[in-house]
Amino acid sequence: MMVRNGALLLVFLCAPAVARDRSGPSCINTQQIVGRQARSADRLTLTLTRKRQVDAQLAEPCPHLVDLDRNYTLVFDRRDGDNLCRGDRFRVVDPKIATAGGVGSFPFCRISRFVPSTATARP
């Protein structure tokens, strides 16, 4: 009886860590993305329909992400139709260079997770 209670207690103590990991969605429907803004080299804020915002935190800093909208754009490598999910990859691409040399010359960046955004929504 003592072991069983101890095992149940262990499961109970581990449960909050799993719940915290799921604080944001696992996927975003790309049809709902109406805007995007780089906040840093490893954080991208996505504005969704109805002025909702979510941050895509990246696994590591992404080259040229902070230059997004100046000369660079995003090219998603989606594996799940219209959904952009944790673990999916994208490239930050200069369209002029990509036309001449191809998109393959730009490195992949990977989404680690989505979390509620701390950015202020635009009107």
PDB file of N, CA and C in Angstrom:
ATOM      1  N   MET A   1       0.822  -1.191   0.000  1.00  0.00           N
ATOM      2  CA  MET A   1       0.000   0.000   0.000  1.00  0.00           C
ATOM      3  C   MET A   1       0.865   1.253   0.000  1.00  0.00           C
ATOM      4  N   MET A   2       1.973   1.209   0.704  1.00  0.00           N
ATOM      5  CA  MET A   2       2.859   2.363   0.786  1.00  0.00           C
ATOM      6  C   MET A   2       3.477   2.682  -0.566  1.00  0.00           C
ATOM      7  N   VAL A   3       3.883   1.673  -1.325  1.00  0.00           N
ATOM      8  CA  VAL A   3       4.488   1.888  -2.637  1.00  0.00           C
ATOM      9  C   VAL A   3       3.470   2.480  -3.599  1.00  0.00           C
ATOM     10  N   ARG A   4       2.258   1.966  -3.558  1.00  0.00           N
ATOM     11  CA  ARG A   4       1.228   2.468  -4.465  1.00  0.00           C
ATOM     12  C   ARG A   4       0.969   3.955  -4.213  1.00  0.00           C
ATOM     13  N   ASN A   5       0.857   4.356  -2.971  1.00  0.00           N
ATOM     14  CA  ASN A   5       0.638   5.771  -2.662  1.00  0.00           C
ATOM     15  C   ASN A   5       1.829   6.609  -3.101  1.00  0.00           C
ATOM     16  N   GLY A   6       3.042   6.081  -2.908  1.00  0.00           N
ATOM     17  CA  GLY A   6       4.234   6.785  -3.354  1.00  0.00           C
ATOM     18  C   GLY A   6       4.267   6.964  -4.853  1.00  0.00           C
ATOM     19  N   ALA A   7       3.846   5.936  -5.592  1.00  0.00           N
ATOM     20  CA  ALA A   7       3.805   6.021  -7.050  1.00  0.00           C
ATOM     21  C   ALA A   7       2.775   7.034  -7.504  1.00  0.00           C
ATOM     22  N   LEU A   8       1.636   7.052  -6.855  1.00  0.00           N
ATOM     23  CA  LEU A   8       0.607   8.030  -7.212  1.00  0.00           C
ATOM     24  C   LEU A   8       1.081   9.448  -6.921  1.00  0.00           C
ATOM     25  N   LEU A   9       1.777   9.616  -5.826  1.00  0.00           N
ATOM     26  CA  LEU A   9       2.310  10.925  -5.484  1.00  0.00           C
ATOM     27  C   LEU A   9       3.325  11.383  -6.521  1.00  0.00           C
ATOM     28  N   LEU A  10       4.163  10.496  -6.992  1.00  0.00           N
ATOM     29  CA  LEU A  10       5.158  10.824  -8.011  1.00  0.00           C
ATOM     30  C   LEU A  10       4.479  11.284  -9.298  1.00  0.00           C
ATOM     31  N   VAL A  11       3.442  10.587  -9.731  1.00  0.00           N
ATOM     32  CA  VAL A  11       2.707  10.981 -10.937  1.00  0.00           C
ATOM     33  C   VAL A  11       2.073  12.349 -10.738  1.00  0.00           C
ATOM     34  N   PHE A  12       1.496  12.586  -9.575  1.00  0.00           N
ATOM     35  CA  PHE A  12       0.865  13.860  -9.293  1.00  0.00           C
ATOM     36  C   PHE A  12       1.874  15.006  -9.320  1.00  0.00           C
ATOM     37  N   LEU A  13       3.054  14.801  -8.764  1.00  0.00           N
ATOM     38  CA  LEU A  13       4.071  15.843  -8.741  1.00  0.00           C
ATOM     39  C   LEU A  13       4.626  16.139 -10.126  1.00  0.00           C
ATOM     40  N   CYS A  14       4.634  15.174 -11.028  1.00  0.00           N
ATOM     41  CA  CYS A  14       5.146  15.382 -12.388  1.00  0.00           C
ATOM     42  C   CYS A  14       4.122  16.050 -13.296  1.00  0.00           C
ATOM     43  N   ALA A  15       2.857  15.949 -12.980  1.00  0.00           N
ATOM     44  CA  ALA A  15       1.802  16.448 -13.859  1.00  0.00           C
ATOM     45  C   ALA A  15       1.890  17.948 -14.138  1.00  0.00           C
ATOM     46  N   PRO A  16       2.159  18.836 -13.159  1.00  0.00           N
ATOM     47  CA  PRO A  16       2.205  20.267 -13.470  1.00  0.00           C
ATOM     48  C   PRO A  16       3.240  20.636 -14.533  1.00  0.00           C
ATOM     49  N   ALA A  17       4.367  19.963 -14.606  1.00  0.00           N
ATOM     50  CA  ALA A  17       5.385  20.269 -15.609  1.00  0.00           C
ATOM     51  C   ALA A  17       4.843  20.027 -17.005  1.00  0.00           C
ATOM     52  N   VAL A  18       4.073  18.972 -17.183  1.00  0.00           N
ATOM     53  CA  VAL A  18       3.473  18.690 -18.486  1.00  0.00           C
ATOM     54  C   VAL A  18       2.452  19.766 -18.822  1.00  0.00           C
ATOM     55  N   ALA A  19       1.656  20.183 -17.873  1.00  0.00           N
ATOM     56  CA  ALA A  19       0.645  21.206 -18.112  1.00  0.00           C
ATOM     57  C   ALA A  19       1.293  22.531 -18.507  1.00  0.00           C
ATOM     58  N   ARG A  20       2.393  22.905 -17.851  1.00  0.00           N
ATOM     59  CA  ARG A  20       3.066  24.162 -18.198  1.00  0.00           C
ATOM     60  C   ARG A  20       3.602  24.122 -19.617  1.00  0.00           C
ATOM     61  N   ASP A  21       4.066  22.970 -20.077  1.00  0.00           N
ATOM     62  CA  ASP A  21       4.610  22.847 -21.419  1.00  0.00           C
ATOM     63  C   ASP A  21       3.539  23.076 -22.484  1.00  0.00           C
ATOM     64  N   ARG A  22       2.295  22.882 -22.117  1.00  0.00           N
ATOM     65  CA  ARG A  22       1.199  23.029 -23.073  1.00  0.00           C
ATOM     66  C   ARG A  22       0.508  24.381 -22.934  1.00  0.00           C
ATOM     67  N   SER A  23       1.217  25.406 -22.516  1.00  0.00           N
ATOM     68  CA  SER A  23       0.615  26.713 -22.295  1.00  0.00           C
ATOM     69  C   SER A  23       0.190  27.387 -23.595  1.00  0.00           C
ATOM     70  N   GLY A  24       0.761  26.979 -24.704  1.00  0.00           N
ATOM     71  CA  GLY A  24       0.393  27.525 -25.998  1.00  0.00           C
ATOM     72  C   GLY A  24      -0.068  26.413 -26.920  1.00  0.00           C
ATOM     73  N   PRO A  25      -0.595  26.779 -28.084  1.00  0.00           N
ATOM     74  CA  PRO A  25      -1.064  25.749 -29.016  1.00  0.00           C
ATOM     75  C   PRO A  25       0.098  24.955 -29.603  1.00  0.00           C
ATOM     76  N   SER A  26      -0.182  23.752 -30.061  1.00  0.00           N
ATOM     77  CA  SER A  26       0.867  22.960 -30.703  1.00  0.00           C
ATOM     78  C   SER A  26       0.970  23.303 -32.188  1.00  0.00           C
ATOM     79  N   CYS A  27      -0.113  23.845 -32.766  1.00  0.00           N
ATOM     80  CA  CYS A  27      -0.120  24.242 -34.187  1.00  0.00           C
ATOM     81  C   CYS A  27      -0.921  25.524 -34.371  1.00  0.00           C
ATOM     82  N   ILE A  28      -0.610  26.231 -35.442  1.00  0.00           N
ATOM     83  CA  ILE A  28      -1.329  27.440 -35.847  1.00  0.00           C
ATOM     84  C   ILE A  28      -1.791  27.229 -37.284  1.00  0.00           C
ATOM     85  N   ASN A  29      -3.036  27.559 -37.566  1.00  0.00           N
ATOM     86  CA  ASN A  29      -3.524  27.475 -38.944  1.00  0.00           C
ATOM     87  C   ASN A  29      -2.975  28.685 -39.699  1.00  0.00           C
ATOM     88  N   THR A  30      -2.211  28.440 -40.751  1.00  0.00           N
ATOM     89  CA  THR A  30      -1.566  29.535 -41.491  1.00  0.00           C
ATOM     90  C   THR A  30      -2.584  30.452 -42.173  1.00  0.00           C
ATOM     91  N   GLN A  31      -3.803  29.963 -42.394  1.00  0.00           N
ATOM     92  CA  GLN A  31      -4.846  30.799 -42.996  1.00  0.00           C
ATOM     93  C   GLN A  31      -5.269  31.921 -42.035  1.00  0.00           C
ATOM     94  N   GLN A  32      -4.960  31.763 -40.736  1.00  0.00           N
ATOM     95  CA  GLN A  32      -5.325  32.768 -39.740  1.00  0.00           C
ATOM     96  C   GLN A  32      -4.222  33.792 -39.488  1.00  0.00           C
ATOM     97  N   ILE A  33      -3.044  33.586 -40.066  1.00  0.00           N
ATOM     98  CA  ILE A  33      -1.939  34.529 -39.850  1.00  0.00           C
ATOM     99  C   ILE A  33      -2.142  35.751 -40.743  1.00  0.00           C
ATOM    100  N   VAL A  34      -2.262  36.916 -40.112  1.00  0.00           N
ATOM    101  CA  VAL A  34      -2.456  38.158 -40.861  1.00  0.00           C
ATOM    102  C   VAL A  34      -1.263  39.105 -40.721  1.00  0.00           C
ATOM    103  N   GLY A  35      -0.314  38.742 -39.868  1.00  0.00           N
ATOM    104  CA  GLY A  35       0.877  39.560 -39.702  1.00  0.00           C
ATOM    105  C   GLY A  35       1.944  38.805 -38.935  1.00  0.00           C
ATOM    106  N   ARG A  36       3.176  39.263 -39.087  1.00  0.00           N
ATOM    107  CA  ARG A  36       4.288  38.664 -38.350  1.00  0.00           C
ATOM    108  C   ARG A  36       5.352  39.714 -38.144  1.00  0.00           C
ATOM    109  N   GLN A  37       5.997  39.623 -36.967  1.00  0.00           N
ATOM    110  CA  GLN A  37       7.049  40.588 -36.640  1.00  0.00           C
ATOM    111  C   GLN A  37       8.117  39.889 -35.800  1.00  0.00           C
ATOM    112  N   ALA A  38       9.360  40.072 -36.205  1.00  0.00           N
ATOM    113  CA  ALA A  38      10.481  39.522 -35.440  1.00  0.00           C
ATOM    114  C   ALA A  38      10.671  40.370 -34.190  1.00  0.00           C
ATOM    115  N   ARG A  39      10.719  39.723 -33.043  1.00  0.00           N
ATOM    116  CA  ARG A  39      10.969  40.422 -31.783  1.00  0.00           C
ATOM    117  C   ARG A  39      12.433  40.326 -31.392  1.00  0.00           C
ATOM    118  N   SER A  40      13.065  39.236 -31.813  1.00  0.00           N
ATOM    119  CA  SER A  40      14.488  39.011 -31.570  1.00  0.00           C
ATOM    120  C   SER A  40      14.918  37.917 -32.541  1.00  0.00           C
ATOM    121  N   ALA A  41      16.161  37.496 -32.451  1.00  0.00           N
ATOM    122  CA  ALA A  41      16.670  36.464 -33.358  1.00  0.00           C
ATOM    123  C   ALA A  41      16.077  35.088 -33.072  1.00  0.00           C
ATOM    124  N   ASP A  42      15.386  34.948 -31.924  1.00  0.00           N
ATOM    125  CA  ASP A  42      14.795  33.647 -31.606  1.00  0.00           C
ATOM    126  C   ASP A  42      13.327  33.734 -31.188  1.00  0.00           C
ATOM    127  N   ARG A  43      12.648  34.815 -31.592  1.00  0.00           N
ATOM    128  CA  ARG A  43      11.235  34.989 -31.238  1.00  0.00           C
ATOM    129  C   ARG A  43      10.505  35.744 -32.342  1.00  0.00           C
ATOM    130  N   LEU A  44       9.430  35.140 -32.822  1.00  0.00           N
ATOM    131  CA  LEU A  44       8.622  35.703 -33.902  1.00  0.00           C
ATOM    132  C   LEU A  44       7.190  35.828 -33.408  1.00  0.00           C
ATOM    133  N   THR A  45       6.630  37.034 -33.450  1.00  0.00           N
ATOM    134  CA  THR A  45       5.247  37.240 -33.033  1.00  0.00           C
ATOM    135  C   THR A  45       4.344  37.138 -34.261  1.00  0.00           C
ATOM    136  N   LEU A  46       3.360  36.243 -34.167  1.00  0.00           N
ATOM    137  CA  LEU A  46       2.393  36.063 -35.243  1.00  0.00           C
ATOM    138  C   LEU A  46       1.077  36.699 -34.818  1.00  0.00           C
ATOM    139  N   THR A  47       0.541  37.579 -35.663  1.00  0.00           N
ATOM    140  CA  THR A  47      -0.771  38.160 -35.417  1.00  0.00           C
ATOM    141  C   THR A  47      -1.775  37.324 -36.194  1.00  0.00           C
ATOM    142  N   LEU A  48      -2.804  36.870 -35.480  1.00  0.00           N
ATOM    143  CA  LEU A  48      -3.832  36.027 -36.075  1.00  0.00           C
ATOM    144  C   LEU A  48      -5.111  36.821 -36.235  1.00  0.00           C
ATOM    145  N   THR A  49      -6.067  36.231 -36.913  1.00  0.00           N
ATOM    146  CA  THR A  49      -7.367  36.883 -37.065  1.00  0.00           C
ATOM    147  C   THR A  49      -7.933  37.201 -35.685  1.00  0.00           C
ATOM    148  N   ARG A  50      -8.818  38.155 -35.619  1.00  0.00           N
ATOM    149  CA  ARG A  50      -9.434  38.638 -34.385  1.00  0.00           C
ATOM    150  C   ARG A  50      -8.414  39.227 -33.418  1.00  0.00           C
ATOM    151  N   LYS A  51      -7.300  39.781 -33.970  1.00  0.00           N
ATOM    152  CA  LYS A  51      -6.260  40.493 -33.211  1.00  0.00           C
ATOM    153  C   LYS A  51      -5.601  39.629 -32.139  1.00  0.00           C
ATOM    154  N   ARG A  52      -5.647  38.308 -32.305  1.00  0.00           N
ATOM    155  CA  ARG A  52      -4.954  37.428 -31.366  1.00  0.00           C
ATOM    156  C   ARG A  52      -3.486  37.365 -31.768  1.00  0.00           C
ATOM    157  N   GLN A  53      -2.616  37.212 -30.789  1.00  0.00           N
ATOM    158  CA  GLN A  53      -1.188  37.103 -31.063  1.00  0.00           C
ATOM    159  C   GLN A  53      -0.585  35.919 -30.313  1.00  0.00           C
ATOM    160  N   VAL A  54       0.380  35.295 -30.958  1.00  0.00           N
ATOM    161  CA  VAL A  54       1.101  34.182 -30.358  1.00  0.00           C
ATOM    162  C   VAL A  54       2.570  34.325 -30.748  1.00  0.00           C
ATOM    163  N   ASP A  55       3.453  33.988 -29.833  1.00  0.00           N
ATOM    164  CA  ASP A  55       4.891  34.031 -30.116  1.00  0.00           C
ATOM    165  C   ASP A  55       5.371  32.642 -30.511  1.00  0.00           C
ATOM    166  N   ALA A  56       6.110  32.583 -31.593  1.00  0.00           N
ATOM    167  CA  ALA A  56       6.796  31.362 -31.980  1.00  0.00           C
ATOM    168  C   ALA A  56       8.208  31.489 -31.431  1.00  0.00           C
ATOM    169  N   GLN A  57       8.531  30.679 -30.434  1.00  0.00           N
ATOM    170  CA  GLN A  57       9.885  30.675 -29.893  1.00  0.00           C
ATOM    171  C   GLN A  57      10.694  29.664 -30.690  1.00  0.00           C
ATOM    172  N   LEU A  58      11.886  30.064 -31.081  1.00  0.00           N
ATOM    173  CA  LEU A  58      12.708  29.223 -31.939  1.00  0.00           C
ATOM    174  C   LEU A  58      13.699  28.412 -31.120  1.00  0.00           C
ATOM    175  N   ALA A  59      14.105  27.291 -31.692  1.00  0.00           N
ATOM    176  CA  ALA A  59      15.038  26.394 -31.012  1.00  0.00           C
ATOM    177  C   ALA A  59      16.387  27.060 -30.797  1.00  0.00           C
ATOM    178  N   GLU A  60      16.777  27.941 -31.710  1.00  0.00           N
ATOM    179  CA  GLU A  60      18.040  28.688 -31.602  1.00  0.00           C
ATOM    180  C   GLU A  60      17.907  29.955 -32.426  1.00  0.00           C
ATOM    181  N   PRO A  61      18.801  30.923 -32.251  1.00  0.00           N
ATOM    182  CA  PRO A  61      18.715  32.155 -33.043  1.00  0.00           C
ATOM    183  C   PRO A  61      18.702  31.856 -34.550  1.00  0.00           C
ATOM    184  N   CYS A  62      17.899  32.616 -35.257  1.00  0.00           N
ATOM    185  CA  CYS A  62      17.695  32.405 -36.690  1.00  0.00           C
ATOM    186  C   CYS A  62      18.368  33.536 -37.481  1.00  0.00           C
ATOM    187  N   PRO A  63      19.281  33.184 -38.390  1.00  0.00           N
ATOM    188  CA  PRO A  63      19.954  34.215 -39.189  1.00  0.00           C
ATOM    189  C   PRO A  63      18.957  35.077 -39.975  1.00  0.00           C
ATOM    190  N   HIS A  64      19.130  36.363 -39.921  1.00  0.00           N
ATOM    191  CA  HIS A  64      18.359  37.363 -40.670  1.00  0.00           C
ATOM    192  C   HIS A  64      16.920  37.555 -40.181  1.00  0.00           C
ATOM    193  N   LEU A  65      16.516  36.883 -39.110  1.00  0.00           N
ATOM    194  CA  LEU A  65      15.139  37.058 -38.647  1.00  0.00           C
ATOM    195  C   LEU A  65      14.871  38.510 -38.265  1.00  0.00           C
ATOM    196  N   VAL A  66      15.824  39.161 -37.627  1.00  0.00           N
ATOM    197  CA  VAL A  66      15.619  40.555 -37.230  1.00  0.00           C
ATOM    198  C   VAL A  66      15.542  41.493 -38.440  1.00  0.00           C
ATOM    199  N   ASP A  67      15.940  41.022 -39.621  1.00  0.00           N
ATOM    200  CA  ASP A  67      15.849  41.814 -40.848  1.00  0.00           C
ATOM    201  C   ASP A  67      14.547  41.571 -41.601  1.00  0.00           C
ATOM    202  N   LEU A  68      13.653  40.791 -41.010  1.00  0.00           N
ATOM    203  CA  LEU A  68      12.369  40.489 -41.632  1.00  0.00           C
ATOM    204  C   LEU A  68      11.654  41.784 -42.005  1.00  0.00           C
ATOM    205  N   ASP A  69      11.089  41.836 -43.169  1.00  0.00           N
ATOM    206  CA  ASP A  69      10.354  42.977 -43.728  1.00  0.00           C
ATOM    207  C   ASP A  69      11.250  44.057 -44.325  1.00  0.00           C
ATOM    208  N   ARG A  70      12.538  44.070 -44.020  1.00  0.00           N
ATOM    209  CA  ARG A  70      13.426  45.021 -44.693  1.00  0.00           C
ATOM    210  C   ARG A  70      13.711  44.489 -46.092  1.00  0.00           C
ATOM    211  N   ASN A  71      14.434  43.401 -46.164  1.00  0.00           N
ATOM    212  CA  ASN A  71      14.717  42.756 -47.445  1.00  0.00           C
ATOM    213  C   ASN A  71      14.346  41.282 -47.430  1.00  0.00           C
ATOM    214  N   TYR A  72      13.913  40.770 -46.278  1.00  0.00           N
ATOM    215  CA  TYR A  72      13.711  39.339 -46.113  1.00  0.00           C
ATOM    216  C   TYR A  72      12.246  38.982 -45.889  1.00  0.00           C
ATOM    217  N   THR A  73      11.896  37.774 -46.261  1.00  0.00           N
ATOM    218  CA  THR A  73      10.554  37.250 -46.050  1.00  0.00           C
ATOM    219  C   THR A  73      10.665  35.818 -45.521  1.00  0.00           C
ATOM    220  N   LEU A  74       9.548  35.271 -45.048  1.00  0.00           N
ATOM    221  CA  LEU A  74       9.542  33.909 -44.511  1.00  0.00           C
ATOM    222  C   LEU A  74       9.071  32.913 -45.563  1.00  0.00           C
ATOM    223  N   VAL A  75       9.717  31.768 -45.605  1.00  0.00           N
ATOM    224  CA  VAL A  75       9.287  30.653 -46.449  1.00  0.00           C
ATOM    225  C   VAL A  75       9.152  29.456 -45.518  1.00  0.00           C
ATOM    226  N   PHE A  76       7.898  29.016 -45.279  1.00  0.00           N
ATOM    227  CA  PHE A  76       7.635  27.915 -44.359  1.00  0.00           C
ATOM    228  C   PHE A  76       7.780  26.572 -45.067  1.00  0.00           C
ATOM    229  N   ASP A  77       8.313  25.609 -44.352  1.00  0.00           N
ATOM    230  CA  ASP A  77       8.462  24.231 -44.824  1.00  0.00           C
ATOM    231  C   ASP A  77       7.462  23.392 -44.022  1.00  0.00           C
ATOM    232  N   ARG A  78       6.175  23.532 -44.362  1.00  0.00           N
ATOM    233  CA  ARG A  78       5.113  22.881 -43.597  1.00  0.00           C
ATOM    234  C   ARG A  78       4.967  21.423 -43.993  1.00  0.00           C
ATOM    235  N   ARG A  79       4.666  20.615 -42.989  1.00  0.00           N
ATOM    236  CA  ARG A  79       4.441  19.196 -43.237  1.00  0.00           C
ATOM    237  C   ARG A  79       3.004  18.796 -42.975  1.00  0.00           C
ATOM    238  N   ASP A  80       2.207  19.716 -42.443  1.00  0.00           N
ATOM    239  CA  ASP A  80       0.847  19.376 -42.035  1.00  0.00           C
ATOM    240  C   ASP A  80      -0.162  20.307 -42.715  1.00  0.00           C
ATOM    241  N   GLY A  81      -0.179  20.321 -44.035  1.00  0.00           N
ATOM    242  CA  GLY A  81      -1.150  21.129 -44.779  1.00  0.00           C
ATOM    243  C   GLY A  81      -1.079  22.595 -44.434  1.00  0.00           C
ATOM    244  N   ASP A  82      -2.194  23.150 -43.955  1.00  0.00           N
ATOM    245  CA  ASP A  82      -2.278  24.564 -43.609  1.00  0.00           C
ATOM    246  C   ASP A  82      -1.818  24.857 -42.185  1.00  0.00           C
ATOM    247  N   ASN A  83      -1.351  23.854 -41.466  1.00  0.00           N
ATOM    248  CA  ASN A  83      -0.925  24.066 -40.085  1.00  0.00           C
ATOM    249  C   ASN A  83       0.577  24.274 -39.987  1.00  0.00           C
ATOM    250  N   LEU A  84       0.952  25.204 -39.133  1.00  0.00           N
ATOM    251  CA  LEU A  84       2.346  25.437 -38.775  1.00  0.00           C
ATOM    252  C   LEU A  84       2.474  24.935 -37.340  1.00  0.00           C
ATOM    253  N   CYS A  85       3.317  23.939 -37.121  1.00  0.00           N
ATOM    254  CA  CYS A  85       3.361  23.245 -35.830  1.00  0.00           C
ATOM    255  C   CYS A  85       4.734  23.333 -35.178  1.00  0.00           C
ATOM    256  N   ARG A  86       4.759  22.997 -33.873  1.00  0.00           N
ATOM    257  CA  ARG A  86       6.031  22.884 -33.164  1.00  0.00           C
ATOM    258  C   ARG A  86       6.922  21.920 -33.921  1.00  0.00           C
ATOM    259  N   GLY A  87       8.183  22.284 -34.057  1.00  0.00           N
ATOM    260  CA  GLY A  87       9.132  21.439 -34.775  1.00  0.00           C
ATOM    261  C   GLY A  87       9.224  21.742 -36.260  1.00  0.00           C
ATOM    262  N   ASP A  88       8.250  22.492 -36.805  1.00  0.00           N
ATOM    263  CA  ASP A  88       8.298  22.840 -38.231  1.00  0.00           C
ATOM    264  C   ASP A  88       9.446  23.803 -38.496  1.00  0.00           C
ATOM    265  N   ARG A  89       9.883  23.797 -39.745  1.00  0.00           N
ATOM    266  CA  ARG A  89      11.026  24.622 -40.151  1.00  0.00           C
ATOM    267  C   ARG A  89      10.576  25.727 -41.099  1.00  0.00           C
ATOM    268  N   PHE A  90      11.392  26.781 -41.147  1.00  0.00           N
ATOM    269  CA  PHE A  90      11.190  27.852 -42.112  1.00  0.00           C
ATOM    270  C   PHE A  90      12.546  28.466 -42.427  1.00  0.00           C
ATOM    271  N   ARG A  91      12.564  29.256 -43.474  1.00  0.00           N
ATOM    272  CA  ARG A  91      13.773  29.980 -43.851  1.00  0.00           C
ATOM    273  C   ARG A  91      13.441  31.473 -43.904  1.00  0.00           C
ATOM    274  N   VAL A  92      14.415  32.284 -43.575  1.00  0.00           N
ATOM    275  CA  VAL A  92      14.302  33.727 -43.744  1.00  0.00           C
ATOM    276  C   VAL A  92      15.084  34.035 -45.013  1.00  0.00           C
ATOM    277  N   VAL A  93      14.367  34.502 -46.035  1.00  0.00           N
ATOM    278  CA  VAL A  93      14.904  34.544 -47.398  1.00  0.00           C
ATOM    279  C   VAL A  93      14.888  35.959 -47.964  1.00  0.00           C
ATOM    280  N   ASP A  94      15.967  36.320 -48.649  1.00  0.00           N
ATOM    281  CA  ASP A  94      16.000  37.532 -49.462  1.00  0.00           C
ATOM    282  C   ASP A  94      15.511  37.112 -50.846  1.00  0.00           C
ATOM    283  N   PRO A  95      14.339  37.579 -51.285  1.00  0.00           N
ATOM    284  CA  PRO A  95      13.779  37.131 -52.564  1.00  0.00           C
ATOM    285  C   PRO A  95      14.696  37.359 -53.767  1.00  0.00           C
ATOM    286  N   LYS A  96      15.468  38.441 -53.755  1.00  0.00           N
ATOM    287  CA  LYS A  96      16.367  38.701 -54.887  1.00  0.00           C
ATOM    288  C   LYS A  96      17.466  37.643 -54.972  1.00  0.00           C
ATOM    289  N   ILE A  97      18.054  37.311 -53.833  1.00  0.00           N
ATOM    290  CA  ILE A  97      19.100  36.289 -53.818  1.00  0.00           C
ATOM    291  C   ILE A  97      18.503  34.918 -54.117  1.00  0.00           C
ATOM    292  N   ALA A  98      17.304  34.645 -53.585  1.00  0.00           N
ATOM    293  CA  ALA A  98      16.655  33.349 -53.812  1.00  0.00           C
ATOM    294  C   ALA A  98      16.333  33.138 -55.286  1.00  0.00           C
ATOM    295  N   THR A  99      15.951  34.201 -55.980  1.00  0.00           N
ATOM    296  CA  THR A  99      15.659  34.092 -57.413  1.00  0.00           C
ATOM    297  C   THR A  99      16.915  33.714 -58.184  1.00  0.00           C
ATOM    298  N   ALA A 100      18.029  34.283 -57.800  1.00  0.00           N
ATOM    299  CA  ALA A 100      19.284  34.014 -58.507  1.00  0.00           C
ATOM    300  C   ALA A 100      19.907  32.673 -58.114  1.00  0.00           C
ATOM    301  N   GLY A 101      19.894  32.351 -56.811  1.00  0.00           N
ATOM    302  CA  GLY A 101      20.618  31.161 -56.361  1.00  0.00           C
ATOM    303  C   GLY A 101      19.778  30.084 -55.725  1.00  0.00           C
ATOM    304  N   GLY A 102      18.482  30.314 -55.564  1.00  0.00           N
ATOM    305  CA  GLY A 102      17.614  29.326 -54.945  1.00  0.00           C
ATOM    306  C   GLY A 102      17.455  29.530 -53.449  1.00  0.00           C
ATOM    307  N   VAL A 103      16.353  29.027 -52.933  1.00  0.00           N
ATOM    308  CA  VAL A 103      16.038  29.151 -51.515  1.00  0.00           C
ATOM    309  C   VAL A 103      16.976  28.287 -50.668  1.00  0.00           C
ATOM    310  N   GLY A 104      17.513  27.224 -51.249  1.00  0.00           N
ATOM    311  CA  GLY A 104      18.358  26.285 -50.522  1.00  0.00           C
ATOM    312  C   GLY A 104      19.620  26.884 -49.928  1.00  0.00           C
ATOM    313  N   SER A 105      19.994  28.066 -50.371  1.00  0.00           N
ATOM    314  CA  SER A 105      21.204  28.684 -49.823  1.00  0.00           C
ATOM    315  C   SER A 105      20.949  29.334 -48.455  1.00  0.00           C
ATOM    316  N   PHE A 106      19.689  29.392 -48.020  1.00  0.00           N
ATOM    317  CA  PHE A 106      19.338  29.982 -46.725  1.00  0.00           C
ATOM    318  C   PHE A 106      19.118  28.866 -45.709  1.00  0.00           C
ATOM    319  N   PRO A 107      19.650  29.019 -44.490  1.00  0.00           N
ATOM    320  CA  PRO A 107      19.518  27.949 -43.490  1.00  0.00           C
ATOM    321  C   PRO A 107      18.089  27.830 -42.954  1.00  0.00           C
ATOM    322  N   PHE A 108      17.765  26.649 -42.451  1.00  0.00           N
ATOM    323  CA  PHE A 108      16.476  26.431 -41.807  1.00  0.00           C
ATOM    324  C   PHE A 108      16.511  26.953 -40.378  1.00  0.00           C
ATOM    325  N   CYS A 109      15.370  27.431 -39.919  1.00  0.00           N
ATOM    326  CA  CYS A 109      15.142  27.789 -38.531  1.00  0.00           C
ATOM    327  C   CYS A 109      13.986  26.905 -38.066  1.00  0.00           C
ATOM    328  N   ARG A 110      13.976  26.518 -36.794  1.00  0.00           N
ATOM    329  CA  ARG A 110      12.968  25.579 -36.303  1.00  0.00           C
ATOM    330  C   ARG A 110      12.166  26.188 -35.150  1.00  0.00           C
ATOM    331  N   ILE A 111      10.838  25.994 -35.221  1.00  0.00           N
ATOM    332  CA  ILE A 111       9.954  26.471 -34.159  1.00  0.00           C
ATOM    333  C   ILE A 111      10.023  25.497 -32.991  1.00  0.00           C
ATOM    334  N   SER A 112      10.344  26.024 -31.829  1.00  0.00           N
ATOM    335  CA  SER A 112      10.433  25.197 -30.627  1.00  0.00           C
ATOM    336  C   SER A 112       9.055  25.039 -29.989  1.00  0.00           C
ATOM    337  N   ARG A 113       8.344  26.162 -29.838  1.00  0.00           N
ATOM    338  CA  ARG A 113       6.998  26.117 -29.253  1.00  0.00           C
ATOM    339  C   ARG A 113       6.289  27.437 -29.487  1.00  0.00           C
ATOM    340  N   PHE A 114       4.979  27.407 -29.279  1.00  0.00           N
ATOM    341  CA  PHE A 114       4.159  28.613 -29.344  1.00  0.00           C
ATOM    342  C   PHE A 114       3.732  28.967 -27.929  1.00  0.00           C
ATOM    343  N   VAL A 115       3.793  30.248 -27.609  1.00  0.00           N
ATOM    344  CA  VAL A 115       3.368  30.718 -26.291  1.00  0.00           C
ATOM    345  C   VAL A 115       2.522  31.972 -26.489  1.00  0.00           C
ATOM    346  N   PRO A 116       1.641  32.271 -25.525  1.00  0.00           N
ATOM    347  CA  PRO A 116       0.872  33.522 -25.633  1.00  0.00           C
ATOM    348  C   PRO A 116       1.839  34.697 -25.763  1.00  0.00           C
ATOM    349  N   SER A 117       1.519  35.621 -26.613  1.00  0.00           N
ATOM    350  CA  SER A 117       2.401  36.747 -26.884  1.00  0.00           C
ATOM    351  C   SER A 117       2.358  37.773 -25.758  1.00  0.00           C
ATOM    352  N   THR A 118       3.518  38.368 -25.526  1.00  0.00           N
ATOM    353  CA  THR A 118       3.600  39.483 -24.573  1.00  0.00           C
ATOM    354  C   THR A 118       3.611  40.818 -25.310  1.00  0.00           C
ATOM    355  N   ALA A 119       3.553  40.757 -26.662  1.00  0.00           N
ATOM    356  CA  ALA A 119       3.556  41.981 -27.476  1.00  0.00           C
ATOM    357  C   ALA A 119       2.180  42.633 -27.424  1.00  0.00           C
ATOM    358  N   THR A 120       2.149  43.922 -27.659  1.00  0.00           N
ATOM    359  CA  THR A 120       0.891  44.650 -27.720  1.00  0.00           C
ATOM    360  C   THR A 120       0.303  44.515 -29.114  1.00  0.00           C
ATOM    361  N   ALA A 121      -0.965  44.122 -29.170  1.00  0.00           N
ATOM    362  CA  ALA A 121      -1.642  43.951 -30.463  1.00  0.00           C
ATOM    363  C   ALA A 121      -1.786  45.287 -31.162  1.00  0.00           C
ATOM    364  N   ARG A 122      -1.611  45.275 -32.473  1.00  0.00           N
ATOM    365  CA  ARG A 122      -1.796  46.488 -33.275  1.00  0.00           C
ATOM    366  C   ARG A 122      -3.276  46.653 -33.573  1.00  0.00           C
ATOM    367  N   PRO A 123      -3.752  47.896 -33.687  1.00  0.00           N
ATOM    368  CA  PRO A 123      -5.187  48.123 -33.980  1.00  0.00           C
ATOM    369  C   PRO A 123      -5.584  47.618 -35.341  1.00  0.00           C
TER     370      PRO A 123
END
